[in-house]
Amino acid sequence: MRLIISLICLISLIWLIPSPVLASTDPQSATPSATATIPVTTATTSDTLSPTTPILIRPPDNTYTSDNLPEFVWRTSSDPNGNFLTYTLYLDNTATYLGISNIGNSAGHGYTARLEGTEIKLLPTLALADGIHNWYVVATDISGNSSRSTTWRLTIDTIPPFILITEIDTYHDLSLDSRSPESVEDQSFDLHGPKNINFTVISKPYSTLTLQFFDADLSLVSLSSWPIDASGLAYPYAYLELGLYTVQASIVDTASLTSALSFALNLTAASIVIPIPGVSHAPAIIIPPIIYDFPGEITSLPATIARVSSRLSIASILLSLLAVGLIALLIFIWKRRSNILILDVRTHCPYRSLIVYHSRPEIGALWSSVIGDSGRLYIRHLGRYSTLTIRTASVTHILSLSVNQDFYTIEI
């Protein structure tokens, strides 16, 4: 009886022991018996298929940021043969972060990485340098097959922009600098107005400058934004009425870093100073620029006559002489122009005196005369289809031209 019971227990134990699973070194021929696939961690000789390409997610291409520990995120790859994958993140074509796992959290030199769903998120533990960085990810399976993502650009800028105001209307060579708070402390500028107030500002290229003007009641009366060009310069302006203003200037760069400074402007009406003639040691009379009713006592003051004279500068005189000379030269050239030369066929010398009648179908008859030793003459509209009647002291010649030329030489 005991023997039978022992045999039954032994058979039951053998029945409960699972059959061994045969591992395959080649995932292509392996037949998994479960719904979950465990990545193969042994290199295969027949695996030549690369994993799918990693897809970059963050930071987006051409990002500007002040964060020198940016989080890099990309979508996981899959291997056609189910092999185990690792990733390498390249910064500026250098394999910076290696051994990043495809199936869970990992850590290495200068980084920690975690898997969240289908995304791998890598966070540097060492700050990146300011400047432009190119980055991409390479996925590699256990057999050495790899695929590379596209390359994205990241710009890191941790230096805040600055504001340097060098001119405010009639104030020049200023140095109002946001990097030196003492340069703008309790600064106030007196100007005449109302008018446009012009500024000259130096800052980081490609930043955006904002100017806000608040009146004595701290109410905003003007706001404008101005781009800083590649040279780092901007020339903003604002129209202001008379009064006391607080100016707040702020700047924001492409990495969203900001700086600011403030100062005061006091706009007053321009004044005219009238000295009292003939009276010594007397205060001057100051009146506003627009006056309709003068005080009665001013009319009793002795009248003065002033003459304002002006002298031409040497440059103006020289320019005037040059203009006169050019006009004279043009007149001389115009009078010396000619398009026909008439010679005596016997002596080959120019005729000194003759009359030339010129006619063309479209202009009718014209006439000109040659007087002098040159024998030259300028005839308007002279060219093909012209007919010339040339009258000398002894004979008259009639010639018809059949060609177009700029200058004709005729012997008669």
Protein backbone atom coordinates (compact mmCIF):
# COMPACT_ATOMS: atom_id res chain seq x y z
CA MET A 1 0.00 0.00 0.00
CA ARG A 2 2.80 2.41 0.89
CA LEU A 3 4.54 1.51 -2.35
CA ILE A 4 1.44 2.36 -4.39
CA ILE A 5 1.05 5.71 -2.61
CA SER A 6 4.74 6.55 -3.24
CA LEU A 7 4.40 5.76 -6.96
CA ILE A 8 1.32 8.00 -7.22
CA CYS A 9 3.16 10.92 -5.55
CA LEU A 10 6.19 10.48 -7.82
CA ILE A 11 4.02 10.49 -10.98
CA SER A 12 2.18 13.63 -9.78
CA LEU A 13 5.50 15.39 -9.09
CA ILE A 14 6.84 14.54 -12.54
CA TRP A 15 3.58 15.80 -14.12
CA LEU A 16 3.85 19.17 -12.35
CA ILE A 17 7.46 19.86 -13.43
CA PRO A 18 7.36 22.09 -16.64
CA SER A 19 9.13 20.91 -19.72
CA PRO A 20 12.44 22.70 -20.47
CA VAL A 21 12.41 25.71 -22.90
CA LEU A 22 14.91 25.46 -25.71
CA ALA A 23 16.69 28.80 -26.21
CA SER A 24 17.60 29.76 -29.73
CA THR A 25 20.64 31.82 -30.62
CA ASP A 26 18.89 33.12 -33.70
CA PRO A 27 15.65 35.03 -32.93
CA GLN A 28 14.50 34.51 -36.53
CA SER A 29 13.96 30.75 -35.94
CA ALA A 30 12.85 30.92 -32.33
CA THR A 31 9.17 30.18 -31.60
CA PRO A 32 8.05 31.95 -28.42
CA SER A 33 5.44 30.13 -26.35
CA ALA A 34 4.24 33.24 -24.45
CA THR A 35 2.61 36.49 -25.49
CA ALA A 36 5.51 38.68 -24.19
CA THR A 37 8.74 38.82 -26.20
CA ILE A 38 11.97 39.04 -24.21
CA PRO A 39 14.77 40.80 -26.18
CA VAL A 40 17.59 38.47 -27.06
CA THR A 41 20.88 39.51 -25.48
CA THR A 42 23.17 37.18 -27.44
CA ALA A 43 24.71 38.30 -30.74
CA THR A 44 23.57 36.44 -33.81
CA THR A 45 25.48 35.76 -36.98
CA SER A 46 22.57 35.82 -39.40
CA ASP A 47 21.00 39.12 -38.15
CA THR A 48 21.60 41.87 -40.73
CA LEU A 49 18.44 43.90 -40.19
CA SER A 50 18.81 47.34 -38.56
CA PRO A 51 16.41 48.62 -35.90
CA THR A 52 13.88 51.28 -36.81
CA THR A 53 15.05 54.91 -36.83
CA PRO A 54 14.80 56.82 -33.51
CA ILE A 55 12.43 59.78 -33.78
CA LEU A 56 13.53 62.97 -31.99
CA ILE A 57 10.87 64.78 -29.94
CA ARG A 58 12.46 67.44 -27.69
CA PRO A 59 14.03 69.99 -27.64
CA PRO A 60 12.60 70.95 -31.05
CA ASP A 61 14.96 71.76 -33.86
CA ASN A 62 16.51 75.27 -33.70
CA THR A 63 15.53 75.73 -30.06
CA TYR A 64 17.01 78.63 -28.08
CA THR A 65 17.11 78.07 -24.33
CA SER A 66 18.81 79.34 -21.19
CA ASP A 67 18.62 75.85 -19.63
CA ASN A 68 22.09 74.30 -19.76
CA LEU A 69 20.67 70.96 -18.51
CA PRO A 70 18.05 70.38 -21.21
CA GLU A 71 16.07 67.14 -21.32
CA PHE A 72 16.55 65.14 -24.55
CA VAL A 73 13.54 63.05 -25.58
CA TRP A 74 13.12 60.61 -28.47
CA ARG A 75 10.80 57.78 -29.43
CA THR A 76 12.04 54.22 -28.92
CA SER A 77 13.10 52.03 -31.82
CA SER A 78 12.16 48.40 -32.43
CA ASP A 79 14.29 45.59 -33.82
CA PRO A 80 12.81 43.33 -36.54
CA ASN A 81 14.44 40.29 -34.88
CA GLY A 82 13.54 41.25 -31.33
CA ASN A 83 17.16 41.94 -30.34
CA PHE A 84 18.13 44.01 -27.34
CA LEU A 85 18.77 47.70 -28.26
CA THR A 86 20.93 50.44 -26.79
CA TYR A 87 21.18 54.10 -27.75
CA THR A 88 24.01 56.60 -28.08
CA LEU A 89 23.32 60.33 -28.06
CA TYR A 90 25.83 62.38 -30.06
CA LEU A 91 26.52 66.02 -29.24
CA ASP A 92 28.48 67.95 -31.87
CA ASN A 93 29.37 64.66 -33.61
CA THR A 94 30.81 63.22 -30.39
CA ALA A 95 29.34 60.13 -28.69
CA THR A 96 28.55 61.92 -25.43
CA TYR A 97 25.98 59.65 -23.75
CA LEU A 98 26.43 55.88 -24.27
CA GLY A 99 24.71 52.69 -23.16
CA ILE A 100 21.19 54.12 -22.92
CA SER A 101 18.73 51.24 -22.38
CA ASN A 102 15.72 50.54 -24.57
CA ILE A 103 13.68 48.71 -21.91
CA GLY A 104 14.06 50.70 -18.69
CA ASN A 105 15.92 53.27 -16.67
CA SER A 106 19.67 53.65 -17.15
CA ALA A 107 22.50 55.87 -16.09
CA GLY A 108 25.98 56.57 -17.35
CA HIS A 109 28.73 59.16 -17.38
CA GLY A 110 27.04 62.57 -17.20
CA TYR A 111 23.42 61.46 -17.62
CA THR A 112 20.41 59.62 -16.29
CA ALA A 113 17.71 58.18 -18.59
CA ARG A 114 14.26 56.76 -18.03
CA LEU A 115 11.67 55.01 -20.16
CA GLU A 116 8.15 56.44 -20.14
CA GLY A 117 5.82 54.58 -22.48
CA THR A 118 7.40 54.77 -25.92
CA GLU A 119 9.64 57.72 -25.05
CA ILE A 120 13.15 57.76 -23.64
CA LYS A 121 14.00 60.88 -21.63
CA LEU A 122 17.65 61.68 -20.99
CA LEU A 123 18.69 64.36 -18.52
CA PRO A 124 22.34 65.54 -18.43
CA THR A 125 23.93 65.75 -15.00
CA LEU A 126 26.78 67.98 -16.21
CA ALA A 127 25.91 71.44 -17.57
CA LEU A 128 26.35 71.97 -21.30
CA ALA A 129 28.41 74.89 -22.57
CA ASP A 130 26.79 77.98 -24.04
CA GLY A 131 26.63 77.96 -27.81
CA ILE A 132 25.18 75.99 -30.71
CA HIS A 133 24.97 72.20 -30.35
CA ASN A 134 23.97 69.62 -32.97
CA TRP A 135 22.53 66.38 -31.59
CA TYR A 136 21.23 63.06 -32.89
CA VAL A 137 20.59 59.53 -31.57
CA VAL A 138 21.89 56.18 -32.87
CA ALA A 139 20.04 52.93 -32.02
CA THR A 140 22.17 49.74 -32.10
CA ASP A 141 21.08 46.11 -31.67
CA ILE A 142 23.13 43.31 -30.09
CA SER A 143 24.36 42.20 -33.51
CA GLY A 144 25.85 45.62 -34.27
CA ASN A 145 23.19 46.81 -36.71
CA SER A 146 22.32 50.48 -36.19
CA SER A 147 20.13 53.30 -37.44
CA ARG A 148 20.56 57.03 -36.97
CA SER A 149 17.99 59.75 -36.34
CA THR A 150 17.90 63.12 -38.06
CA THR A 151 20.13 65.91 -36.69
CA TRP A 152 18.62 68.78 -34.74
CA ARG A 153 20.16 72.03 -33.54
CA LEU A 154 20.04 73.43 -30.02
CA THR A 155 21.36 76.84 -28.89
CA ILE A 156 22.13 77.35 -25.20
CA ASP A 157 22.47 80.92 -23.93
CA THR A 158 22.72 81.57 -20.20
CA ILE A 159 24.05 85.14 -20.45
CA PRO A 160 21.28 87.75 -19.91
CA PRO A 161 21.05 90.58 -22.44
CA PHE A 162 22.05 94.10 -21.50
CA ILE A 163 20.79 97.61 -22.27
CA LEU A 164 23.27 100.41 -22.94
CA ILE A 165 21.76 103.82 -23.77
CA THR A 166 24.33 106.19 -25.26
CA GLU A 167 22.11 109.06 -26.49
CA ILE A 168 18.85 110.66 -25.37
CA ASP A 169 17.84 113.47 -27.72
CA THR A 170 20.37 116.29 -27.05
CA TYR A 171 22.30 114.27 -24.46
CA HIS A 172 25.25 112.48 -26.06
CA ASP A 173 28.03 110.15 -24.88
CA LEU A 174 25.85 108.68 -22.14
CA SER A 175 26.48 105.34 -20.46
CA LEU A 176 23.22 104.14 -18.94
CA ASP A 177 23.99 100.45 -18.51
CA SER A 178 21.70 97.77 -17.06
CA ARG A 179 24.83 95.87 -15.99
CA SER A 180 25.82 98.79 -13.76
CA PRO A 181 22.85 99.83 -11.60
CA GLU A 182 24.75 102.86 -10.31
CA SER A 183 24.88 104.29 -13.86
CA VAL A 184 21.09 104.81 -13.90
CA GLU A 185 20.44 105.49 -10.23
CA ASP A 186 18.41 108.73 -9.80
CA GLN A 187 19.11 109.78 -13.40
CA SER A 188 16.88 112.53 -14.82
CA PHE A 189 17.13 114.44 -18.11
CA ASP A 190 15.61 117.86 -18.89
CA LEU A 191 14.42 118.30 -22.47
CA HIS A 192 12.37 120.79 -24.47
CA GLY A 193 9.11 119.65 -25.98
CA PRO A 194 6.64 118.52 -27.01
CA LYS A 195 8.40 116.49 -29.74
CA ASN A 196 9.83 113.10 -30.71
CA ILE A 197 12.49 111.99 -28.24
CA ASN A 198 15.18 109.89 -29.95
CA PHE A 199 17.37 107.26 -28.29
CA THR A 200 20.43 105.26 -29.29
CA VAL A 201 20.53 101.80 -27.68
CA ILE A 202 23.17 99.06 -27.80
CA SER A 203 22.27 95.50 -26.80
CA LYS A 204 22.65 91.83 -27.69
CA PRO A 205 21.93 91.20 -31.40
CA TYR A 206 18.50 89.83 -32.30
CA SER A 207 17.00 90.86 -28.96
CA THR A 208 13.78 92.87 -28.60
CA LEU A 209 13.73 96.21 -26.79
CA THR A 210 10.56 97.55 -25.12
CA LEU A 211 10.15 101.16 -24.00
CA GLN A 212 7.38 102.20 -21.59
CA PHE A 213 6.66 105.80 -20.58
CA PHE A 214 4.70 106.57 -17.40
CA ASP A 215 3.46 110.04 -16.48
CA ALA A 216 3.55 111.65 -13.05
CA ASP A 217 0.48 109.62 -12.03
CA LEU A 218 2.27 106.40 -13.07
CA SER A 219 -0.21 105.91 -15.92
CA LEU A 220 1.18 104.28 -19.04
CA VAL A 221 1.15 106.83 -21.89
CA SER A 222 3.33 105.11 -24.48
CA LEU A 223 4.61 101.60 -25.18
CA SER A 224 6.64 100.41 -28.17
CA SER A 225 8.91 97.50 -29.10
CA TRP A 226 12.01 97.71 -31.27
CA PRO A 227 14.15 94.89 -32.72
CA ILE A 228 17.90 94.91 -32.17
CA ASP A 229 19.59 94.18 -35.49
CA ALA A 230 22.72 92.11 -36.18
CA SER A 231 24.95 95.08 -35.31
CA GLY A 232 23.45 95.27 -31.82
CA LEU A 233 21.99 98.76 -32.41
CA ALA A 234 18.51 100.24 -32.23
CA TYR A 235 17.28 103.82 -32.65
CA PRO A 236 13.86 104.00 -30.93
CA TYR A 237 11.85 107.18 -30.46
CA ALA A 238 8.62 108.31 -28.83
CA TYR A 239 6.50 111.45 -29.09
CA LEU A 240 5.98 113.03 -25.66
CA GLU A 241 3.97 116.00 -24.49
CA LEU A 242 5.18 118.35 -21.77
CA GLY A 243 5.52 116.76 -18.35
CA LEU A 244 7.53 114.46 -16.14
CA TYR A 245 7.96 110.86 -17.30
CA THR A 246 9.45 107.67 -15.93
CA VAL A 247 11.02 105.59 -18.67
CA GLN A 248 11.32 101.83 -18.24
CA ALA A 249 13.45 100.03 -20.82
CA SER A 250 13.47 96.22 -20.92
CA ILE A 251 15.12 93.71 -23.23
CA VAL A 252 14.43 90.03 -23.97
CA ASP A 253 16.73 87.79 -26.02
CA THR A 254 16.07 84.65 -28.07
CA ALA A 255 16.60 82.49 -24.96
CA SER A 256 13.88 84.47 -23.09
CA LEU A 257 16.38 86.08 -20.71
CA THR A 258 15.60 89.66 -19.71
CA SER A 259 17.16 92.82 -18.29
CA ALA A 260 15.77 96.27 -17.49
CA LEU A 261 16.62 99.82 -16.39
CA SER A 262 14.68 103.03 -15.70
CA PHE A 263 15.29 106.79 -15.59
CA ALA A 264 13.31 110.05 -15.68
CA LEU A 265 12.59 112.58 -18.43
CA ASN A 266 11.30 116.10 -17.78
CA LEU A 267 9.87 117.87 -20.85
CA THR A 268 9.40 121.63 -20.55
CA ALA A 269 8.55 124.36 -23.09
CA ALA A 270 11.47 126.11 -24.74
CA SER A 271 12.07 129.71 -23.51
CA ILE A 272 13.22 132.89 -25.28
CA VAL A 273 15.64 135.18 -23.40
CA ILE A 274 15.27 138.90 -24.22
CA PRO A 275 17.96 141.16 -22.72
CA ILE A 276 16.92 144.72 -21.80
CA PRO A 277 18.95 147.07 -24.02
CA GLY A 278 20.73 149.98 -22.40
CA VAL A 279 20.18 148.68 -18.90
CA SER A 280 23.15 147.15 -17.13
CA HIS A 281 22.98 144.68 -14.27
CA ALA A 282 19.30 144.04 -15.04
CA PRO A 283 17.81 140.57 -15.24
CA ALA A 284 16.80 139.28 -18.65
CA ILE A 285 13.16 138.87 -19.50
CA ILE A 286 12.21 135.23 -20.23
CA ILE A 287 9.02 134.64 -22.19
CA PRO A 288 7.51 131.45 -23.62
CA PRO A 289 7.92 130.86 -27.36
CA ILE A 290 4.24 131.59 -28.19
CA ILE A 291 3.04 134.91 -26.73
CA TYR A 292 0.01 136.94 -27.74
CA ASP A 293 -0.08 139.72 -25.09
CA PHE A 294 3.21 141.41 -24.21
CA PRO A 295 3.46 143.26 -20.88
CA GLY A 296 2.71 146.95 -21.25
CA GLU A 297 6.03 148.11 -19.84
CA ILE A 298 7.99 146.40 -22.60
CA THR A 299 6.58 148.83 -25.20
CA SER A 300 8.26 151.77 -23.43
CA LEU A 301 11.73 150.29 -23.82
CA PRO A 302 13.99 151.85 -26.48
CA ALA A 303 13.74 150.07 -29.79
CA THR A 304 16.76 148.41 -31.35
CA ILE A 305 17.44 147.51 -34.94
CA ALA A 306 19.47 144.43 -35.66
CA ARG A 307 20.69 143.20 -38.99
CA VAL A 308 21.43 139.56 -39.55
CA SER A 309 24.11 139.05 -42.16
CA SER A 310 25.37 135.83 -43.59
CA ARG A 311 28.42 134.98 -45.67
CA LEU A 312 28.73 132.27 -48.23
CA SER A 313 31.17 129.61 -47.29
CA ILE A 314 34.21 128.95 -49.48
CA ALA A 315 32.71 125.62 -50.48
CA SER A 316 29.54 127.33 -51.74
CA ILE A 317 31.59 129.81 -53.82
CA LEU A 318 33.67 127.03 -55.35
CA LEU A 319 30.56 125.01 -56.20
CA SER A 320 28.96 128.04 -57.86
CA LEU A 321 32.09 128.71 -59.96
CA LEU A 322 32.23 125.07 -60.96
CA ALA A 323 28.59 125.14 -62.08
CA VAL A 324 29.20 128.27 -64.19
CA GLY A 325 32.26 126.67 -65.75
CA LEU A 326 30.35 123.53 -66.66
CA ILE A 327 27.57 125.56 -68.28
CA ALA A 328 30.11 127.56 -70.32
CA LEU A 329 31.81 124.35 -71.44
CA LEU A 330 28.51 122.85 -72.57
CA ILE A 331 27.69 126.01 -74.57
CA PHE A 332 31.12 125.94 -76.23
CA ILE A 333 30.77 122.28 -77.17
CA TRP A 334 27.27 122.90 -78.51
CA LYS A 335 28.46 125.75 -80.74
CA ARG A 336 31.44 123.75 -82.01
CA ARG A 337 29.42 120.72 -83.01
CA SER A 338 29.16 119.83 -86.71
CA ASN A 339 28.00 116.96 -88.88
CA ILE A 340 29.12 118.06 -92.38
CA LEU A 341 32.35 119.34 -93.95
CA ILE A 342 32.24 120.96 -97.42
CA LEU A 343 35.52 121.15 -99.40
CA ASP A 344 36.55 122.70 -102.71
CA VAL A 345 37.22 119.81 -105.13
CA ARG A 346 40.05 121.75 -106.82
CA THR A 347 42.00 122.86 -103.77
CA HIS A 348 40.62 120.43 -101.15
CA CYS A 349 40.27 123.41 -98.84
CA PRO A 350 37.14 124.26 -96.84
CA TYR A 351 34.69 126.77 -98.28
CA ARG A 352 34.69 130.02 -96.38
CA SER A 353 31.25 131.19 -97.36
CA LEU A 354 28.28 129.40 -98.85
CA ILE A 355 24.58 128.77 -98.31
CA VAL A 356 23.13 125.27 -97.82
CA TYR A 357 19.41 124.45 -98.19
CA HIS A 358 18.39 121.21 -96.54
CA SER A 359 15.12 119.42 -97.11
CA ARG A 360 13.53 116.09 -96.11
CA PRO A 361 10.03 114.84 -96.89
CA GLU A 362 8.93 114.81 -93.28
CA ILE A 363 10.42 118.17 -92.15
CA GLY A 364 10.17 120.44 -95.18
CA ALA A 365 12.88 122.89 -96.22
CA LEU A 366 15.51 124.35 -93.88
CA TRP A 367 18.64 126.35 -94.63
CA SER A 368 21.98 126.97 -93.01
CA SER A 369 25.06 128.97 -93.90
CA VAL A 370 28.77 128.30 -93.57
CA ILE A 371 30.93 131.25 -92.67
CA GLY A 372 34.53 130.93 -91.63
CA ASP A 373 37.66 128.95 -92.46
CA SER A 374 36.59 125.53 -91.14
CA GLY A 375 33.99 124.67 -93.75
CA ARG A 376 32.06 122.84 -91.06
CA LEU A 377 28.34 123.10 -90.44
CA TYR A 378 25.72 121.49 -88.24
CA ILE A 379 22.47 120.62 -90.03
CA ARG A 380 19.55 119.25 -88.04
CA HIS A 381 17.96 115.96 -89.14
CA LEU A 382 20.72 115.31 -91.65
CA GLY A 383 20.75 111.72 -92.91
CA ARG A 384 19.34 109.31 -95.48
CA TYR A 385 16.69 110.85 -97.79
CA SER A 386 18.10 114.36 -97.18
CA THR A 387 18.48 116.70 -100.17
CA LEU A 388 21.10 119.45 -100.02
CA THR A 389 21.14 122.52 -102.26
CA ILE A 390 24.59 124.12 -101.92
CA ARG A 391 25.02 127.59 -103.40
CA THR A 392 28.51 129.04 -103.80
CA ALA A 393 29.47 132.38 -105.30
CA SER A 394 29.63 130.89 -108.82
CA VAL A 395 27.49 127.74 -108.96
CA THR A 396 24.61 125.83 -107.30
CA HIS A 397 24.82 122.08 -106.51
CA ILE A 398 21.95 119.73 -105.63
CA LEU A 399 22.89 116.52 -103.75
CA SER A 400 20.78 113.64 -102.47
CA LEU A 401 22.08 111.50 -99.58
CA SER A 402 21.40 107.77 -99.57
CA VAL A 403 23.12 106.56 -96.38
CA ASN A 404 22.96 107.38 -92.69
CA GLN A 405 26.18 108.70 -91.16
CA ASP A 406 27.11 110.78 -88.18
CA PHE A 407 29.44 112.96 -90.27
CA TYR A 408 29.56 113.76 -94.02
CA THR A 409 32.46 115.13 -96.06
CA ILE A 410 31.40 116.64 -99.40
CA GLU A 411 33.64 117.98 -102.21
CA ILE A 412 32.04 120.29 -104.78
